[in-house]
Amino acid sequence: MSTRKEIVSGFYEQVDEESRLKRSRHGQLEYATTMAYIHRYADKNSRVLEVGAGTGRYSIALAREGMQVSAVELVESNLAVLRENSRGIENLESFQGDAVDLGRFADNTFDVTLVFGPMYHIYEPEDVHRAIDEAVRVTKPGGAILFAFISVFGIMYANYFQGNWAAGQEENFDGEYRIRHFKEQLFTGYDIVEFEQLFDSKPVEWITTAGVDGMVESIEDREDFRIPDEEFDAFAAWYLHFAEKRELLGATNHLLYICRKK
């Protein structure tokens, strides 16, 4: 059977991850909203760790702002792009590695830790908790940790209204409508409360849970969908204002769980 790394690497070797946050409105909104939240907790003097850095869109941007950034990426093809795009940026170091083992970093090292991809692709409960514990361990007391995760309902809305609902339901829910997590899903989604409860026994203080792309991914393929360039900034500002409204979170595809280490 294929390992989690093999499944995840095989997927990212076939897709254009580098342009994901640029080529669509939902990607642009995800990036704008996520950067707004990062800047609430990080400034040019911060030491930042990004786990699951992909091709480096966030890490490179933050390093260019003057932050000292360490980037960890599981997928070697993504890491190669990150390293190519960050040539000459001396305050950015990059490593191949897995969120479940950040042993190269000492305890209490980073002011802000970003876990922006791993929780989409970690399935076994022990690995989920190991990834959370490792991110908490390497963060300084009082430091902020931002975990990205996916709503299982957002997955259903965005991907299974093309005559394939039964297949999506079978993949993401069992016969009692309990949410399923297994590596062959590739992307695993959570109920919002289910994800928040993962942190109940952790030495962190919850700050907020926020959506970062709303319903845009699920409606962007409509023929009449349109957000002109001249309206996008106003739309992004409006969305950010309401990003934490509980009644909207389930329909969002990508979310952030934000906490502070005690």
C-alpha atoms as a PDB file:
ATOM      1  CA  MET A   1       0.000   0.000   0.000  1.00  0.00           C
ATOM      2  CA  SER A   2       1.146   3.533  -0.725  1.00  0.00           C
ATOM      3  CA  THR A   3       2.328   5.660   2.171  1.00  0.00           C
ATOM      4  CA  ARG A   4       0.827   9.030   3.014  1.00  0.00           C
ATOM      5  CA  LYS A   5       3.921  10.762   1.635  1.00  0.00           C
ATOM      6  CA  GLU A   6       3.703   8.825  -1.639  1.00  0.00           C
ATOM      7  CA  ILE A   7       0.013   9.653  -2.100  1.00  0.00           C
ATOM      8  CA  VAL A   8       0.461  13.332  -1.294  1.00  0.00           C
ATOM      9  CA  SER A   9       3.634  13.678  -3.378  1.00  0.00           C
ATOM     10  CA  GLY A  10       2.018  11.935  -6.327  1.00  0.00           C
ATOM     11  CA  PHE A  11      -0.824  14.448  -6.290  1.00  0.00           C
ATOM     12  CA  TYR A  12       1.313  17.582  -6.024  1.00  0.00           C
ATOM     13  CA  GLU A  13       3.663  16.387  -8.739  1.00  0.00           C
ATOM     14  CA  GLN A  14       0.718  16.557 -11.155  1.00  0.00           C
ATOM     15  CA  VAL A  15      -0.828  19.910 -10.216  1.00  0.00           C
ATOM     16  CA  ASP A  16       0.267  23.526 -10.519  1.00  0.00           C
ATOM     17  CA  GLU A  17       0.508  24.346  -6.824  1.00  0.00           C
ATOM     18  CA  GLU A  18       2.663  27.406  -7.553  1.00  0.00           C
ATOM     19  CA  SER A  19      -0.243  29.311  -9.135  1.00  0.00           C
ATOM     20  CA  ARG A  20      -3.036  27.992  -6.882  1.00  0.00           C
ATOM     21  CA  LEU A  21      -3.345  31.183  -4.837  1.00  0.00           C
ATOM     22  CA  LYS A  22      -3.145  33.411  -7.919  1.00  0.00           C
ATOM     23  CA  ARG A  23      -5.209  31.870 -10.706  1.00  0.00           C
ATOM     24  CA  SER A  24      -8.700  31.876  -9.124  1.00  0.00           C
ATOM     25  CA  ARG A  25     -10.753  34.283  -7.071  1.00  0.00           C
ATOM     26  CA  HIS A  26     -11.091  31.797  -4.224  1.00  0.00           C
ATOM     27  CA  GLY A  27      -7.302  31.359  -4.173  1.00  0.00           C
ATOM     28  CA  GLN A  28      -6.751  35.112  -4.191  1.00  0.00           C
ATOM     29  CA  LEU A  29      -9.251  35.525  -1.345  1.00  0.00           C
ATOM     30  CA  GLU A  30      -7.614  32.728   0.646  1.00  0.00           C
ATOM     31  CA  TYR A  31      -4.224  34.402   0.292  1.00  0.00           C
ATOM     32  CA  ALA A  32      -5.459  37.908   1.152  1.00  0.00           C
ATOM     33  CA  THR A  33      -7.402  36.725   4.196  1.00  0.00           C
ATOM     34  CA  THR A  34      -4.621  34.482   5.464  1.00  0.00           C
ATOM     35  CA  MET A  35      -2.014  37.226   5.129  1.00  0.00           C
ATOM     36  CA  ALA A  36      -4.282  39.605   7.036  1.00  0.00           C
ATOM     37  CA  TYR A  37      -4.417  37.142   9.926  1.00  0.00           C
ATOM     38  CA  ILE A  38      -0.672  36.456   9.845  1.00  0.00           C
ATOM     39  CA  HIS A  39      -0.004  40.182  10.163  1.00  0.00           C
ATOM     40  CA  ARG A  40      -2.075  40.343  13.342  1.00  0.00           C
ATOM     41  CA  TYR A  41       0.547  38.192  15.078  1.00  0.00           C
ATOM     42  CA  ALA A  42       3.781  38.654  13.121  1.00  0.00           C
ATOM     43  CA  ASP A  43       5.896  41.664  12.221  1.00  0.00           C
ATOM     44  CA  LYS A  44       9.272  42.236  10.591  1.00  0.00           C
ATOM     45  CA  ASN A  45      11.054  41.246  13.806  1.00  0.00           C
ATOM     46  CA  SER A  46       9.303  37.868  14.100  1.00  0.00           C
ATOM     47  CA  ARG A  47      10.916  34.487  13.696  1.00  0.00           C
ATOM     48  CA  VAL A  48       8.387  32.432  11.722  1.00  0.00           C
ATOM     49  CA  LEU A  49       8.085  28.728  10.958  1.00  0.00           C
ATOM     50  CA  GLU A  50       5.873  27.564   8.102  1.00  0.00           C
ATOM     51  CA  VAL A  51       5.144  23.833   8.119  1.00  0.00           C
ATOM     52  CA  GLY A  52       3.726  22.612   4.835  1.00  0.00           C
ATOM     53  CA  ALA A  53       5.134  25.579   2.961  1.00  0.00           C
ATOM     54  CA  GLY A  54       4.257  24.273  -0.507  1.00  0.00           C
ATOM     55  CA  THR A  55       6.072  26.289  -3.146  1.00  0.00           C
ATOM     56  CA  GLY A  56       6.704  29.110  -0.682  1.00  0.00           C
ATOM     57  CA  ARG A  57       4.091  31.735  -1.437  1.00  0.00           C
ATOM     58  CA  TYR A  58       3.691  32.746   2.205  1.00  0.00           C
ATOM     59  CA  SER A  59       7.250  32.040   3.351  1.00  0.00           C
ATOM     60  CA  ILE A  60       8.801  34.084   0.573  1.00  0.00           C
ATOM     61  CA  ALA A  61       6.404  36.996   1.057  1.00  0.00           C
ATOM     62  CA  LEU A  62       7.066  37.102   4.807  1.00  0.00           C
ATOM     63  CA  ALA A  63      10.822  36.859   4.345  1.00  0.00           C
ATOM     64  CA  ARG A  64      10.700  39.756   1.904  1.00  0.00           C
ATOM     65  CA  GLU A  65       9.021  41.765   4.652  1.00  0.00           C
ATOM     66  CA  GLY A  66      12.085  41.164   6.812  1.00  0.00           C
ATOM     67  CA  MET A  67      10.949  38.235   8.952  1.00  0.00           C
ATOM     68  CA  GLN A  68      13.339  35.370   9.697  1.00  0.00           C
ATOM     69  CA  VAL A  69      11.549  32.410   8.111  1.00  0.00           C
ATOM     70  CA  SER A  70      12.074  28.668   8.291  1.00  0.00           C
ATOM     71  CA  ALA A  71      10.045  26.651   5.773  1.00  0.00           C
ATOM     72  CA  VAL A  72       9.371  22.915   5.964  1.00  0.00           C
ATOM     73  CA  GLU A  73       7.778  21.040   3.048  1.00  0.00           C
ATOM     74  CA  LEU A  74       7.021  17.334   2.667  1.00  0.00           C
ATOM     75  CA  VAL A  75       6.787  17.204  -1.132  1.00  0.00           C
ATOM     76  CA  GLU A  76      10.168  17.389  -2.819  1.00  0.00           C
ATOM     77  CA  SER A  77       8.832  18.856  -6.083  1.00  0.00           C
ATOM     78  CA  ASN A  78       7.187  21.710  -4.162  1.00  0.00           C
ATOM     79  CA  LEU A  79      10.366  22.260  -2.164  1.00  0.00           C
ATOM     80  CA  ALA A  80      12.396  22.527  -5.372  1.00  0.00           C
ATOM     81  CA  VAL A  81      10.148  25.341  -6.603  1.00  0.00           C
ATOM     82  CA  LEU A  82      10.348  27.075  -3.221  1.00  0.00           C
ATOM     83  CA  ARG A  83      14.128  26.964  -3.280  1.00  0.00           C
ATOM     84  CA  GLU A  84      14.310  28.236  -6.848  1.00  0.00           C
ATOM     85  CA  ASN A  85      11.917  31.114  -6.107  1.00  0.00           C
ATOM     86  CA  SER A  86      13.752  32.088  -2.899  1.00  0.00           C
ATOM     87  CA  ARG A  87      17.257  32.275  -4.334  1.00  0.00           C
ATOM     88  CA  GLY A  88      19.101  35.206  -2.796  1.00  0.00           C
ATOM     89  CA  ILE A  89      16.723  35.605   0.167  1.00  0.00           C
ATOM     90  CA  GLU A  90      19.158  35.101   3.024  1.00  0.00           C
ATOM     91  CA  ASN A  91      16.581  35.247   5.818  1.00  0.00           C
ATOM     92  CA  LEU A  92      14.689  32.203   4.522  1.00  0.00           C
ATOM     93  CA  GLU A  93      15.882  28.648   5.160  1.00  0.00           C
ATOM     94  CA  SER A  94      14.057  25.607   3.787  1.00  0.00           C
ATOM     95  CA  PHE A  95      13.974  21.930   4.672  1.00  0.00           C
ATOM     96  CA  GLN A  96      12.333  18.745   3.468  1.00  0.00           C
ATOM     97  CA  GLY A  97      10.340  17.323   6.346  1.00  0.00           C
ATOM     98  CA  ASP A  98       7.060  16.126   7.824  1.00  0.00           C
ATOM     99  CA  ALA A  99       4.808  17.990  10.261  1.00  0.00           C
ATOM    100  CA  VAL A 100       4.750  14.985  12.593  1.00  0.00           C
ATOM    101  CA  ASP A 101       8.481  15.334  13.276  1.00  0.00           C
ATOM    102  CA  LEU A 102      10.013  18.791  13.679  1.00  0.00           C
ATOM    103  CA  GLY A 103      12.970  17.429  15.627  1.00  0.00           C
ATOM    104  CA  ARG A 104      15.440  19.647  13.784  1.00  0.00           C
ATOM    105  CA  PHE A 105      14.009  22.614  15.751  1.00  0.00           C
ATOM    106  CA  ALA A 106      14.468  23.237  19.472  1.00  0.00           C
ATOM    107  CA  ASP A 107      11.629  23.888  21.900  1.00  0.00           C
ATOM    108  CA  ASN A 108      10.330  27.459  22.168  1.00  0.00           C
ATOM    109  CA  THR A 109      12.059  28.724  19.021  1.00  0.00           C
ATOM    110  CA  PHE A 110       9.474  30.598  16.928  1.00  0.00           C
ATOM    111  CA  ASP A 111       7.340  33.663  17.561  1.00  0.00           C
ATOM    112  CA  VAL A 112       4.723  32.494  15.042  1.00  0.00           C
ATOM    113  CA  THR A 113       4.155  29.011  13.637  1.00  0.00           C
ATOM    114  CA  LEU A 114       2.068  28.422  10.511  1.00  0.00           C
ATOM    115  CA  VAL A 115       0.765  24.929   9.739  1.00  0.00           C
ATOM    116  CA  PHE A 116      -0.801  25.593   6.360  1.00  0.00           C
ATOM    117  CA  GLY A 117      -1.049  22.270   4.533  1.00  0.00           C
ATOM    118  CA  PRO A 118      -0.348  19.252   6.713  1.00  0.00           C
ATOM    119  CA  MET A 119      -3.746  19.009   8.402  1.00  0.00           C
ATOM    120  CA  TYR A 120      -5.344  18.473   4.975  1.00  0.00           C
ATOM    121  CA  HIS A 121      -3.319  15.282   4.537  1.00  0.00           C
ATOM    122  CA  ILE A 122      -2.861  13.747   7.996  1.00  0.00           C
ATOM    123  CA  TYR A 123      -5.432  11.090   8.852  1.00  0.00           C
ATOM    124  CA  GLU A 124      -4.425   8.826  11.713  1.00  0.00           C
ATOM    125  CA  PRO A 125      -5.384  10.332  15.108  1.00  0.00           C
ATOM    126  CA  GLU A 126      -1.931   9.760  16.580  1.00  0.00           C
ATOM    127  CA  ASP A 127      -0.309  11.588  13.655  1.00  0.00           C
ATOM    128  CA  VAL A 128      -2.829  14.438  13.867  1.00  0.00           C
ATOM    129  CA  HIS A 129      -1.983  14.961  17.530  1.00  0.00           C
ATOM    130  CA  ARG A 130       1.734  14.558  16.904  1.00  0.00           C
ATOM    131  CA  ALA A 131       1.627  17.334  14.293  1.00  0.00           C
ATOM    132  CA  ILE A 132      -0.259  19.625  16.682  1.00  0.00           C
ATOM    133  CA  ASP A 133       2.103  18.823  19.559  1.00  0.00           C
ATOM    134  CA  GLU A 134       5.185  19.468  17.436  1.00  0.00           C
ATOM    135  CA  ALA A 135       3.903  22.863  16.289  1.00  0.00           C
ATOM    136  CA  VAL A 136       3.128  23.822  19.881  1.00  0.00           C
ATOM    137  CA  ARG A 137       6.496  22.553  21.127  1.00  0.00           C
ATOM    138  CA  VAL A 138       8.621  24.670  18.788  1.00  0.00           C
ATOM    139  CA  THR A 139       6.599  27.864  19.399  1.00  0.00           C
ATOM    140  CA  LYS A 140       7.623  30.280  22.132  1.00  0.00           C
ATOM    141  CA  PRO A 141       5.274  30.728  25.116  1.00  0.00           C
ATOM    142  CA  GLY A 142       2.898  33.511  24.133  1.00  0.00           C
ATOM    143  CA  GLY A 143       3.513  32.873  20.456  1.00  0.00           C
ATOM    144  CA  ALA A 144       0.710  32.412  17.941  1.00  0.00           C
ATOM    145  CA  ILE A 145       0.039  29.221  15.990  1.00  0.00           C
ATOM    146  CA  LEU A 146      -2.192  29.194  12.908  1.00  0.00           C
ATOM    147  CA  PHE A 147      -3.482  25.827  11.682  1.00  0.00           C
ATOM    148  CA  ALA A 148      -5.184  25.610   8.288  1.00  0.00           C
ATOM    149  CA  PHE A 149      -7.855  22.950   7.859  1.00  0.00           C
ATOM    150  CA  ILE A 150     -10.698  22.112   5.492  1.00  0.00           C
ATOM    151  CA  SER A 151     -14.426  21.950   6.184  1.00  0.00           C
ATOM    152  CA  VAL A 152     -15.889  18.605   5.146  1.00  0.00           C
ATOM    153  CA  PHE A 153     -19.027  20.498   4.149  1.00  0.00           C
ATOM    154  CA  GLY A 154     -16.965  22.877   2.048  1.00  0.00           C
ATOM    155  CA  ILE A 155     -15.459  19.847   0.309  1.00  0.00           C
ATOM    156  CA  MET A 156     -18.924  18.516  -0.454  1.00  0.00           C
ATOM    157  CA  TYR A 157     -20.260  21.857  -1.720  1.00  0.00           C
ATOM    158  CA  ALA A 158     -17.228  22.563  -3.904  1.00  0.00           C
ATOM    159  CA  ASN A 159     -16.701  19.119  -5.433  1.00  0.00           C
ATOM    160  CA  TYR A 160     -19.836  17.008  -5.424  1.00  0.00           C
ATOM    161  CA  PHE A 161     -22.632  18.874  -7.181  1.00  0.00           C
ATOM    162  CA  GLN A 162     -21.729  17.549 -10.629  1.00  0.00           C
ATOM    163  CA  GLY A 163     -23.820  14.385 -10.497  1.00  0.00           C
ATOM    164  CA  ASN A 164     -21.317  12.713  -8.168  1.00  0.00           C
ATOM    165  CA  TRP A 165     -22.867  13.426  -4.753  1.00  0.00           C
ATOM    166  CA  ALA A 166     -23.174   9.748  -3.778  1.00  0.00           C
ATOM    167  CA  ALA A 167     -19.459   9.171  -4.365  1.00  0.00           C
ATOM    168  CA  GLY A 168     -18.532  12.210  -2.257  1.00  0.00           C
ATOM    169  CA  GLN A 169     -20.879  11.189   0.521  1.00  0.00           C
ATOM    170  CA  GLU A 170     -19.462   7.667   0.601  1.00  0.00           C
ATOM    171  CA  GLU A 171     -15.905   8.980   0.694  1.00  0.00           C
ATOM    172  CA  ASN A 172     -16.424  11.551   3.432  1.00  0.00           C
ATOM    173  CA  PHE A 173     -19.147  10.019   5.640  1.00  0.00           C
ATOM    174  CA  ASP A 174     -20.020   6.568   6.908  1.00  0.00           C
ATOM    175  CA  GLY A 175     -23.523   5.105   6.983  1.00  0.00           C
ATOM    176  CA  GLU A 176     -24.297   6.986  10.209  1.00  0.00           C
ATOM    177  CA  TYR A 177     -23.093  10.302   8.728  1.00  0.00           C
ATOM    178  CA  ARG A 178     -19.953  10.278  10.839  1.00  0.00           C
ATOM    179  CA  ILE A 179     -17.001  11.993   9.167  1.00  0.00           C
ATOM    180  CA  ARG A 180     -14.336   9.709   7.753  1.00  0.00           C
ATOM    181  CA  HIS A 181     -10.566  10.311   7.689  1.00  0.00           C
ATOM    182  CA  PHE A 182      -8.268   8.045   5.657  1.00  0.00           C
ATOM    183  CA  LYS A 183      -5.204   8.702   3.531  1.00  0.00           C
ATOM    184  CA  GLU A 184      -6.708   7.634   0.209  1.00  0.00           C
ATOM    185  CA  GLN A 185      -9.069  10.614   0.453  1.00  0.00           C
ATOM    186  CA  LEU A 186      -6.008  12.786  -0.199  1.00  0.00           C
ATOM    187  CA  PHE A 187      -7.821  15.810   1.285  1.00  0.00           C
ATOM    188  CA  THR A 188      -9.606  15.134   4.572  1.00  0.00           C
ATOM    189  CA  GLY A 189     -12.235  17.511   5.929  1.00  0.00           C
ATOM    190  CA  TYR A 190     -13.529  18.292   9.403  1.00  0.00           C
ATOM    191  CA  ASP A 191     -16.615  19.496  11.136  1.00  0.00           C
ATOM    192  CA  ILE A 192     -15.599  22.833  12.694  1.00  0.00           C
ATOM    193  CA  VAL A 193     -16.221  21.753  16.286  1.00  0.00           C
ATOM    194  CA  GLU A 194     -14.514  18.414  15.636  1.00  0.00           C
ATOM    195  CA  PHE A 195     -11.312  20.207  14.629  1.00  0.00           C
ATOM    196  CA  GLU A 196     -11.458  22.649  17.536  1.00  0.00           C
ATOM    197  CA  GLN A 197     -11.846  19.783  19.995  1.00  0.00           C
ATOM    198  CA  LEU A 198      -8.473  18.390  18.917  1.00  0.00           C
ATOM    199  CA  PHE A 199      -6.931  21.162  21.027  1.00  0.00           C
ATOM    200  CA  ASP A 200      -8.917  20.634  24.227  1.00  0.00           C
ATOM    201  CA  SER A 201      -6.006  19.018  26.061  1.00  0.00           C
ATOM    202  CA  LYS A 202      -3.243  21.089  24.461  1.00  0.00           C
ATOM    203  CA  PRO A 203      -1.312  23.857  26.254  1.00  0.00           C
ATOM    204  CA  VAL A 204      -2.834  26.566  24.073  1.00  0.00           C
ATOM    205  CA  GLU A 205      -5.441  29.296  24.369  1.00  0.00           C
ATOM    206  CA  TRP A 206      -7.925  29.462  21.496  1.00  0.00           C
ATOM    207  CA  ILE A 207      -8.064  32.877  19.851  1.00  0.00           C
ATOM    208  CA  THR A 208     -10.461  32.363  16.960  1.00  0.00           C
ATOM    209  CA  THR A 209     -11.542  30.164  14.074  1.00  0.00           C
ATOM    210  CA  ALA A 210     -11.908  31.945  10.742  1.00  0.00           C
ATOM    211  CA  GLY A 211     -12.813  31.085   7.180  1.00  0.00           C
ATOM    212  CA  VAL A 212     -10.419  32.290   4.519  1.00  0.00           C
ATOM    213  CA  ASP A 213     -12.264  31.770   1.224  1.00  0.00           C
ATOM    214  CA  GLY A 214     -15.978  31.657   1.999  1.00  0.00           C
ATOM    215  CA  MET A 215     -18.263  29.949  -0.524  1.00  0.00           C
ATOM    216  CA  VAL A 216     -16.310  31.245  -3.501  1.00  0.00           C
ATOM    217  CA  GLU A 217     -14.780  27.925  -4.567  1.00  0.00           C
ATOM    218  CA  SER A 218     -18.182  26.227  -4.652  1.00  0.00           C
ATOM    219  CA  ILE A 219     -19.737  28.907  -6.887  1.00  0.00           C
ATOM    220  CA  GLU A 220     -16.808  30.086  -8.999  1.00  0.00           C
ATOM    221  CA  ASP A 221     -17.578  27.702 -11.868  1.00  0.00           C
ATOM    222  CA  ARG A 222     -21.011  29.229 -12.444  1.00  0.00           C
ATOM    223  CA  GLU A 223     -21.260  30.927 -15.819  1.00  0.00           C
ATOM    224  CA  ASP A 224     -22.559  34.123 -14.215  1.00  0.00           C
ATOM    225  CA  PHE A 225     -19.879  34.305 -11.483  1.00  0.00           C
ATOM    226  CA  ARG A 226     -17.867  37.500 -11.704  1.00  0.00           C
ATOM    227  CA  ILE A 227     -15.812  39.640  -9.306  1.00  0.00           C
ATOM    228  CA  PRO A 228     -14.096  42.304 -11.446  1.00  0.00           C
ATOM    229  CA  ASP A 229     -10.603  43.434 -10.526  1.00  0.00           C
ATOM    230  CA  GLU A 230     -11.913  46.841  -9.487  1.00  0.00           C
ATOM    231  CA  GLU A 231     -14.236  45.186  -6.947  1.00  0.00           C
ATOM    232  CA  PHE A 232     -11.951  42.521  -5.527  1.00  0.00           C
ATOM    233  CA  ASP A 233     -10.240  44.616  -2.818  1.00  0.00           C
ATOM    234  CA  ALA A 234     -13.589  45.812  -1.492  1.00  0.00           C
ATOM    235  CA  PHE A 235     -14.937  42.256  -1.550  1.00  0.00           C
ATOM    236  CA  ALA A 236     -11.851  40.927   0.293  1.00  0.00           C
ATOM    237  CA  ALA A 237     -12.188  43.632   2.970  1.00  0.00           C
ATOM    238  CA  TRP A 238     -15.890  42.831   3.381  1.00  0.00           C
ATOM    239  CA  TYR A 239     -15.157  39.114   3.660  1.00  0.00           C
ATOM    240  CA  LEU A 240     -12.399  39.634   6.250  1.00  0.00           C
ATOM    241  CA  HIS A 241     -14.833  41.589   8.433  1.00  0.00           C
ATOM    242  CA  PHE A 242     -17.170  38.574   8.583  1.00  0.00           C
ATOM    243  CA  ALA A 243     -14.587  35.777   8.369  1.00  0.00           C
ATOM    244  CA  GLU A 244     -15.157  34.587  11.955  1.00  0.00           C
ATOM    245  CA  LYS A 245     -18.962  34.403  11.910  1.00  0.00           C
ATOM    246  CA  ARG A 246     -19.840  30.937  13.194  1.00  0.00           C
ATOM    247  CA  GLU A 247     -22.889  30.560  10.974  1.00  0.00           C
ATOM    248  CA  LEU A 248     -20.703  30.905   7.862  1.00  0.00           C
ATOM    249  CA  LEU A 249     -17.795  28.632   8.747  1.00  0.00           C
ATOM    250  CA  GLY A 250     -19.192  25.280   7.618  1.00  0.00           C
ATOM    251  CA  ALA A 251     -19.733  26.489   4.050  1.00  0.00           C
ATOM    252  CA  THR A 252     -16.165  27.790   3.818  1.00  0.00           C
ATOM    253  CA  ASN A 253     -13.657  25.468   2.208  1.00  0.00           C
ATOM    254  CA  HIS A 254     -10.406  26.532   3.918  1.00  0.00           C
ATOM    255  CA  LEU A 255     -10.223  27.750   7.513  1.00  0.00           C
ATOM    256  CA  LEU A 256      -7.763  28.821  10.177  1.00  0.00           C
ATOM    257  CA  TYR A 257      -7.722  27.678  13.798  1.00  0.00           C
ATOM    258  CA  ILE A 258      -5.675  30.315  15.629  1.00  0.00           C
ATOM    259  CA  CYS A 259      -4.331  29.852  19.140  1.00  0.00           C
ATOM    260  CA  ARG A 260      -1.657  31.124  21.497  1.00  0.00           C
ATOM    261  CA  LYS A 261       0.809  28.910  23.351  1.00  0.00           C
ATOM    262  CA  LYS A 262       0.452  29.157  27.116  1.00  0.00           C
END
